[in-house]
């Protein structure tokens, strides 16, 4: 669950899609956990990764962490910068600072 700056309540969830495991977003219709949830048409992450969580860095940047690929013994955490705009989330570039190479 993530509450946007404008009060919009979002839920991240994972499922399978055309390119493997995906990270999707649903939006609460009434801004409450009991509200009617509507699926956002755009996936947050569409190519073989899931179980995402949002967090803020010490500097206040919004980030997405998830595992990718969705393959046993090859799963690794990956981190992406996230932009929030008008109650929506958009995935930016992968942040290599948090990636173990």
Protein backbone atom coordinates (compact mmCIF):
# COMPACT_ATOMS: atom_id res chain seq x y z
CA UNK A 1 0.00 0.00 0.00
CA UNK A 2 1.17 3.49 -0.80
CA UNK A 3 -0.56 6.80 -0.20
CA UNK A 4 0.39 9.42 -2.78
CA UNK A 5 0.98 13.05 -1.91
CA UNK A 6 -2.49 13.92 -3.29
CA UNK A 7 -4.14 11.31 -1.03
CA UNK A 8 -4.61 8.60 -3.67
CA UNK A 9 -4.26 5.09 -2.17
CA UNK A 10 -2.41 2.58 -4.36
CA UNK A 11 -1.74 -1.12 -3.96
CA UNK A 12 1.17 -2.91 -5.64
CA UNK A 13 0.63 -6.55 -6.60
CA UNK A 14 2.39 -9.20 -8.69
CA UNK A 15 1.14 -11.67 -11.27
CA UNK A 16 2.17 -13.26 -14.56
CA UNK A 17 2.02 -11.32 -17.82
CA UNK A 18 3.25 -11.49 -21.40
CA UNK A 19 6.93 -11.03 -20.42
CA UNK A 20 6.97 -13.08 -17.23
CA UNK A 21 6.27 -11.94 -13.70
CA UNK A 22 4.94 -8.38 -13.45
CA UNK A 23 4.34 -5.64 -10.91
CA UNK A 24 0.94 -3.98 -11.25
CA UNK A 25 -0.89 -1.14 -9.51
CA UNK A 26 -4.49 -0.91 -8.35
CA UNK A 27 -6.11 2.33 -7.16
CA UNK A 28 -8.71 2.61 -4.42
CA UNK A 29 -11.89 4.25 -5.73
CA UNK A 30 -12.69 5.89 -2.39
CA UNK A 31 -9.16 6.43 -1.02
CA UNK A 32 -9.70 3.75 1.64
CA UNK A 33 -8.58 0.12 1.92
CA UNK A 34 -12.25 -0.94 1.71
CA UNK A 35 -12.83 0.96 -1.54
CA UNK A 36 -13.48 -0.54 -4.95
CA UNK A 37 -10.06 -1.30 -6.43
CA UNK A 38 -9.46 -0.41 -10.06
CA UNK A 39 -6.54 -1.80 -12.01
CA UNK A 40 -4.25 0.82 -13.56
CA UNK A 41 -3.77 0.08 -17.30
CA UNK A 42 0.02 0.60 -17.24
CA UNK A 43 2.21 -1.96 -15.42
CA UNK A 44 4.85 -0.60 -13.05
CA UNK A 45 7.27 -3.40 -14.05
CA UNK A 46 6.52 -5.81 -16.89
CA UNK A 47 9.57 -7.94 -17.53
CA UNK A 48 10.06 -10.86 -15.13
CA UNK A 49 10.13 -9.37 -11.65
CA UNK A 50 7.77 -8.99 -8.75
CA UNK A 51 6.94 -8.79 -5.05
CA UNK A 52 7.74 -5.09 -5.14
CA UNK A 53 7.90 -2.70 -2.22
CA UNK A 54 8.28 1.06 -2.13
CA UNK A 55 10.63 2.92 0.19
CA UNK A 56 12.30 6.30 0.47
CA UNK A 57 16.04 6.78 0.63
CA UNK A 58 17.69 8.84 3.36
CA UNK A 59 17.65 11.69 0.85
CA UNK A 60 13.89 11.30 0.32
CA UNK A 61 13.91 9.69 -3.15
CA UNK A 62 11.08 7.21 -3.79
CA UNK A 63 12.36 3.76 -4.82
CA UNK A 64 10.93 0.40 -5.90
CA UNK A 65 12.62 -2.80 -4.80
CA UNK A 66 11.66 -6.15 -6.35
CA UNK A 67 13.19 -9.47 -7.30
CA UNK A 68 14.21 -10.29 -10.84
CA UNK A 69 14.38 -12.58 -12.69
CA UNK A 70 11.58 -14.79 -11.40
CA UNK A 71 13.70 -17.92 -11.64
CA UNK A 72 14.70 -20.05 -8.66
CA UNK A 73 18.32 -19.50 -7.55
CA UNK A 74 18.71 -16.58 -10.01
CA UNK A 75 16.43 -14.13 -8.19
CA UNK A 76 18.19 -10.96 -7.08
CA UNK A 77 16.97 -7.65 -5.68
CA UNK A 78 16.81 -4.78 -8.14
CA UNK A 79 16.03 -1.14 -7.37
CA UNK A 80 14.36 1.50 -9.51
CA UNK A 81 13.77 5.18 -9.04
CA UNK A 82 10.06 6.01 -8.94
CA UNK A 83 8.35 9.23 -9.92
CA UNK A 84 5.01 10.14 -8.38
CA UNK A 85 2.76 12.46 -10.36
CA UNK A 86 -0.96 13.22 -9.95
CA UNK A 87 -1.68 10.05 -7.94
CA UNK A 88 0.26 7.77 -10.31
CA UNK A 89 3.64 6.04 -10.10
CA UNK A 90 6.16 5.77 -12.94
CA UNK A 91 9.28 3.59 -13.01
CA UNK A 92 12.52 5.38 -13.80
CA UNK A 93 16.03 4.09 -14.29
CA UNK A 94 17.53 1.18 -12.37
CA UNK A 95 19.67 2.42 -9.50
CA UNK A 96 22.96 0.49 -9.59
CA UNK A 97 24.01 1.95 -6.22
CA UNK A 98 21.96 -0.73 -4.46
CA UNK A 99 22.80 -3.62 -6.80
CA UNK A 100 25.34 -6.29 -5.86
CA UNK A 101 27.42 -6.98 -8.98
